[in-house]
Amino acid sequence: MRFRFVAIALIASFASACATSTPVCRAPSQAEMQAFMAVISHNPAALSEAMASGAARDALNAQDANIRSHIWGSQGETRGTVLGLLSRPPLCVLDNQAANDMNGGHNILVYPQSSYDAVLPAADTGAAFPYGVRMRDYLTCRFTETANGLRLADACGFRPYTAPPVTG
């Protein structure tokens, strides 16, 4: 009986240690940096090459105003854009294991280090991850494995606009 109590206590302490561990920042990988540099240099052709086939890449190649605004902003305003957040180095990249999918998707969170430091909660608060507000404090980016290596799949959170259905 005593062994069972000790075992339960040990398991509970390991579980609580895992639940409160702070994610560790890393530098962007080569594939991630390739996509980020294309955004920072405002190079749609290089960004298209760094992206996987799909709706986001198609929208970028069609020069869709929605994706261009999501990535680079509009009329000189870059707050809340991919460029606005990537232009504040150093970057803190965190693997988002909770959002990874079974189809080879690799999801990351990208914070400017200053934003991450500002929103990182105290260790004992139990705040939900990710910390802060998406597109203000951090980006979510999904990469996927292709025949040509890891490629950006979603232009860091871009959601194509679809008009509501016409009824009546």
Protein backbone atom coordinates (compact mmCIF):
# COMPACT_ATOMS: atom_id res chain seq x y z
CA MET A 1 0.00 0.00 0.00
CA ARG A 2 2.81 2.39 0.86
CA PHE A 3 4.55 1.69 -2.48
CA ARG A 4 1.36 2.56 -4.37
CA PHE A 5 1.12 5.90 -2.53
CA VAL A 6 4.76 6.74 -3.31
CA ALA A 7 4.29 5.76 -6.96
CA ILE A 8 1.17 7.92 -7.29
CA ALA A 9 2.96 10.86 -5.66
CA LEU A 10 5.92 10.50 -8.03
CA ILE A 11 3.67 10.31 -11.10
CA ALA A 12 1.73 13.37 -9.94
CA SER A 13 4.94 15.35 -9.39
CA PHE A 14 6.26 14.43 -12.86
CA ALA A 15 2.93 15.34 -14.46
CA SER A 16 2.82 18.71 -12.72
CA ALA A 17 6.44 19.39 -13.68
CA CYS A 18 5.60 18.72 -17.32
CA ALA A 19 2.49 20.87 -17.20
CA THR A 20 4.35 23.89 -15.83
CA SER A 21 7.53 23.65 -17.87
CA THR A 22 8.28 26.77 -19.87
CA PRO A 23 8.69 26.26 -23.62
CA VAL A 24 12.24 26.89 -24.81
CA CYS A 25 12.94 29.28 -27.67
CA ARG A 26 15.04 28.16 -30.61
CA ALA A 27 16.36 29.84 -33.73
CA PRO A 28 14.47 29.35 -37.01
CA SER A 29 15.49 26.31 -39.06
CA GLN A 30 16.93 26.83 -42.54
CA ALA A 31 13.54 26.21 -44.23
CA GLU A 32 11.76 28.52 -41.80
CA MET A 33 14.37 31.22 -42.26
CA GLN A 34 14.11 30.94 -46.05
CA ALA A 35 10.39 31.75 -45.87
CA PHE A 36 10.91 34.50 -43.27
CA MET A 37 13.65 36.19 -45.32
CA ALA A 38 11.38 36.19 -48.39
CA VAL A 39 8.75 38.02 -46.32
CA ILE A 40 11.24 40.49 -44.85
CA SER A 41 12.78 41.24 -48.25
CA HIS A 42 9.27 41.67 -49.71
CA ASN A 43 9.99 39.08 -52.39
CA PRO A 44 6.79 37.29 -53.49
CA ALA A 45 8.66 35.03 -55.94
CA ALA A 46 11.04 33.78 -53.23
CA LEU A 47 8.16 33.35 -50.80
CA SER A 48 6.20 31.34 -53.38
CA GLU A 49 9.25 29.10 -53.82
CA ALA A 50 9.47 28.61 -50.04
CA MET A 51 5.80 27.58 -49.87
CA ALA A 52 4.08 24.26 -50.42
CA SER A 53 1.42 23.93 -53.08
CA GLY A 54 -2.02 24.92 -51.82
CA ALA A 55 -4.54 27.71 -51.37
CA ALA A 56 -2.12 30.16 -49.74
CA ARG A 57 0.50 29.75 -52.46
CA ASP A 58 -2.16 30.02 -55.18
CA ALA A 59 -3.47 33.25 -53.62
CA LEU A 60 0.06 34.68 -53.41
CA ASN A 61 0.81 33.81 -57.04
CA ALA A 62 -2.51 35.38 -58.11
CA GLN A 63 -1.46 38.57 -56.27
CA ASP A 64 -4.54 38.34 -54.06
CA ALA A 65 -4.87 41.54 -52.01
CA ASN A 66 -5.98 39.62 -48.90
CA ILE A 67 -2.84 37.50 -48.61
CA ARG A 68 -0.57 40.41 -49.52
CA SER A 69 -2.20 42.48 -46.78
CA HIS A 70 -1.88 39.59 -44.31
CA ILE A 71 1.82 39.24 -45.06
CA TRP A 72 3.06 42.76 -45.87
CA GLY A 73 0.31 45.08 -44.67
CA SER A 74 -1.46 47.81 -46.53
CA GLN A 75 -0.70 51.48 -47.13
CA GLY A 76 2.47 51.28 -45.04
CA GLU A 77 0.78 49.78 -41.97
CA THR A 78 2.49 46.58 -40.83
CA ARG A 79 1.13 46.13 -37.29
CA GLY A 80 -0.62 42.78 -37.03
CA THR A 81 1.07 41.40 -40.14
CA VAL A 82 3.60 38.67 -40.74
CA LEU A 83 6.18 41.29 -41.75
CA GLY A 84 5.46 43.39 -38.69
CA LEU A 85 6.27 40.54 -36.33
CA LEU A 86 9.21 39.10 -38.27
CA SER A 87 10.83 42.55 -38.46
CA ARG A 88 11.48 42.59 -34.71
CA PRO A 89 14.48 40.29 -34.19
CA PRO A 90 15.68 38.27 -32.46
CA LEU A 91 12.97 35.71 -33.06
CA CYS A 92 11.83 33.09 -30.57
CA VAL A 93 10.54 29.97 -32.37
CA LEU A 94 8.58 27.41 -30.39
CA ASP A 95 7.39 24.06 -31.69
CA ASN A 96 3.64 23.83 -31.17
CA GLN A 97 3.27 20.11 -30.52
CA ALA A 98 -0.41 20.48 -29.65
CA ALA A 99 -1.20 21.70 -33.18
CA ASN A 100 0.91 19.23 -35.18
CA ASP A 101 -1.14 16.95 -37.42
CA MET A 102 -0.77 13.39 -38.59
CA ASN A 103 -0.18 14.41 -42.23
CA GLY A 104 3.36 15.59 -41.65
CA GLY A 105 2.35 19.08 -40.55
CA HIS A 106 4.87 20.91 -38.41
CA ASN A 107 3.43 23.88 -36.53
CA ILE A 108 5.44 26.60 -34.90
CA LEU A 109 4.83 29.76 -32.96
CA VAL A 110 7.06 32.71 -33.80
CA TYR A 111 7.47 35.50 -31.28
CA PRO A 112 9.74 38.50 -31.40
CA GLN A 113 11.86 37.82 -28.30
CA SER A 114 10.72 41.09 -26.71
CA SER A 115 7.05 40.05 -27.09
CA TYR A 116 7.71 36.59 -25.68
CA ASP A 117 9.46 38.06 -22.66
CA ALA A 118 6.59 40.51 -22.13
CA VAL A 119 3.79 37.89 -22.25
CA LEU A 120 5.59 34.98 -20.55
CA PRO A 121 3.57 34.32 -17.39
CA ALA A 122 5.05 33.64 -13.99
CA ALA A 123 5.79 29.94 -13.53
CA ASP A 124 3.10 29.40 -10.89
CA THR A 125 0.15 30.96 -12.76
CA GLY A 126 -0.67 27.99 -14.99
CA ALA A 127 -1.49 30.27 -17.94
CA ALA A 128 -2.59 28.58 -21.14
CA PHE A 129 -0.09 28.22 -23.98
CA PRO A 130 0.37 29.97 -26.37
CA TYR A 131 0.87 33.17 -24.45
CA GLY A 132 -0.34 36.51 -25.71
CA VAL A 133 -2.50 37.43 -28.69
CA ARG A 134 -2.03 35.89 -32.15
CA MET A 135 -0.88 38.39 -34.80
CA ARG A 136 0.00 40.91 -32.08
CA ASP A 137 2.45 38.96 -29.92
CA TYR A 138 3.10 35.90 -32.08
CA LEU A 139 2.52 34.17 -35.41
CA THR A 140 1.36 30.64 -36.04
CA CYS A 141 3.04 29.03 -39.03
CA ARG A 142 2.41 25.59 -40.47
CA PHE A 143 5.13 23.87 -42.46
CA THR A 144 4.72 20.62 -44.36
CA GLU A 145 7.18 18.10 -45.74
CA THR A 146 7.27 18.07 -49.56
CA ALA A 147 9.47 16.33 -52.13
CA ASN A 148 11.62 19.49 -52.01
CA GLY A 149 11.90 19.57 -48.22
CA LEU A 150 10.04 21.49 -45.53
CA ARG A 151 7.84 24.27 -47.00
CA LEU A 152 5.55 26.91 -45.51
CA ALA A 153 1.96 25.74 -46.00
CA ASP A 154 -0.25 28.55 -44.70
CA ALA A 155 1.62 31.89 -45.04
CA CYS A 156 1.69 32.03 -41.22
CA GLY A 157 -1.97 31.83 -40.38
CA PHE A 158 -3.52 33.10 -43.61
CA ARG A 159 -7.12 32.08 -43.99
CA PRO A 160 -8.51 32.59 -47.49
CA TYR A 161 -11.63 34.71 -47.59
CA THR A 162 -14.69 32.89 -48.72
CA ALA A 163 -17.88 34.80 -49.35
CA PRO A 164 -20.91 33.64 -47.41
CA PRO A 165 -23.39 31.66 -49.46
CA VAL A 166 -26.17 33.62 -51.11
CA THR A 167 -29.57 32.50 -49.92
CA GLY A 168 -33.04 33.63 -50.66
